[in-house]
Protein backbone atom coordinates (compact mmCIF):
# COMPACT_ATOMS: atom_id res chain seq x y z
CA UNK A 1 17.07 -38.04 25.79
CA UNK A 2 16.75 -40.09 22.61
CA UNK A 3 15.82 -43.13 24.69
CA UNK A 4 13.02 -41.12 26.29
CA UNK A 5 11.81 -39.85 22.92
CA UNK A 6 11.74 -43.30 21.37
CA UNK A 7 10.07 -44.94 24.36
CA UNK A 8 7.32 -42.28 24.21
CA UNK A 9 7.01 -42.41 20.40
CA UNK A 10 8.16 -38.81 20.01
CA UNK A 11 10.15 -37.47 17.04
CA UNK A 12 13.81 -36.42 17.41
CA UNK A 13 12.66 -32.80 16.90
CA UNK A 14 11.14 -32.98 20.40
CA UNK A 15 14.67 -33.18 21.88
CA UNK A 16 14.91 -31.16 25.07
CA UNK A 17 17.16 -31.50 28.08
CA UNK A 18 14.22 -30.48 30.28
CA UNK A 19 12.04 -33.54 29.55
CA UNK A 20 10.79 -34.84 32.90
CA UNK A 21 11.95 -38.43 33.21
CA UNK A 22 14.09 -40.53 35.52
CA UNK A 23 16.09 -41.36 32.38
CA UNK A 24 17.00 -37.69 31.81
CA UNK A 25 20.56 -37.52 33.15
CA UNK A 26 20.63 -33.78 32.41
CA UNK A 27 18.12 -33.33 35.23
CA UNK A 28 19.09 -36.34 37.33
CA UNK A 29 22.85 -37.02 37.30
CA UNK A 30 24.18 -40.53 37.66
CA UNK A 31 22.76 -43.77 36.39
CA UNK A 32 19.16 -43.75 35.13
CA UNK A 33 16.42 -45.55 37.00
CA UNK A 34 16.63 -48.69 34.88
CA UNK A 35 18.20 -50.35 31.89
CA UNK A 36 18.20 -48.29 28.69
CA UNK A 37 19.31 -50.92 26.21
CA UNK A 38 20.31 -54.52 25.69
CA UNK A 39 22.87 -55.85 23.24
CA UNK A 40 21.48 -57.73 20.28
CA UNK A 41 22.03 -61.44 19.83
CA UNK A 42 24.50 -60.75 17.02
CA UNK A 43 26.48 -58.39 19.29
CA UNK A 44 26.64 -61.04 22.01
CA UNK A 45 27.71 -63.70 19.51
CA UNK A 46 30.42 -61.40 18.12
CA UNK A 47 31.76 -60.88 21.65
CA UNK A 48 31.79 -64.61 22.40
CA UNK A 49 33.09 -65.67 18.97
CA UNK A 50 35.18 -62.78 17.60
CA UNK A 51 36.59 -62.93 14.08
CA UNK A 52 40.15 -64.25 13.83
CA UNK A 53 42.09 -61.21 12.65
CA UNK A 54 45.42 -59.47 13.09
CA UNK A 55 43.79 -56.04 13.46
CA UNK A 56 44.31 -54.48 16.88
CA UNK A 57 43.10 -50.90 16.31
CA UNK A 58 40.23 -49.16 14.61
CA UNK A 59 38.83 -45.67 14.18
CA UNK A 60 35.77 -44.21 12.52
CA UNK A 61 36.38 -42.01 9.48
CA UNK A 62 34.60 -38.99 8.05
CA UNK A 63 33.59 -41.33 5.21
CA UNK A 64 31.30 -43.14 7.73
CA UNK A 65 33.47 -46.26 7.56
CA UNK A 66 35.34 -48.06 10.34
CA UNK A 67 39.03 -48.27 9.45
CA UNK A 68 41.12 -51.09 10.90
CA UNK A 69 44.87 -51.12 11.56
CA UNK A 70 47.53 -53.72 12.27
CA UNK A 71 49.74 -51.54 14.43
CA UNK A 72 49.59 -48.49 16.64
CA UNK A 73 51.60 -46.27 14.29
CA UNK A 74 49.11 -46.86 11.44
CA UNK A 75 46.29 -46.09 13.85
CA UNK A 76 47.93 -42.87 15.06
CA UNK A 77 48.61 -41.73 11.51
CA UNK A 78 44.92 -42.12 10.70
CA UNK A 79 43.72 -40.47 13.91
CA UNK A 80 45.99 -37.50 13.23
CA UNK A 81 44.81 -37.22 9.61
CA UNK A 82 41.91 -35.27 8.14
CA UNK A 83 40.03 -38.55 7.61
CA UNK A 84 39.36 -39.18 11.33
CA UNK A 85 35.98 -38.38 12.90
CA UNK A 86 36.59 -37.91 16.64
CA UNK A 87 32.91 -37.88 17.66
């Protein structure tokens, strides 16, 4: 829906699951009629040339920060804490 709003220059307040568009997957299940985004150059470069790090896990916190962890137990402890934002 946000893709439709932005492509039509509409504000987020116009959000509605009944907007008529081939991109509205509430009305038309499955893949939309065309591409809805492309990765940026920096995203592509990060995928091709990742940072050399020992971090294997990450999770997003309620403090709006990505938290990185060396091992699975650290990761689980964070995910099971009050600091984790599951959405």
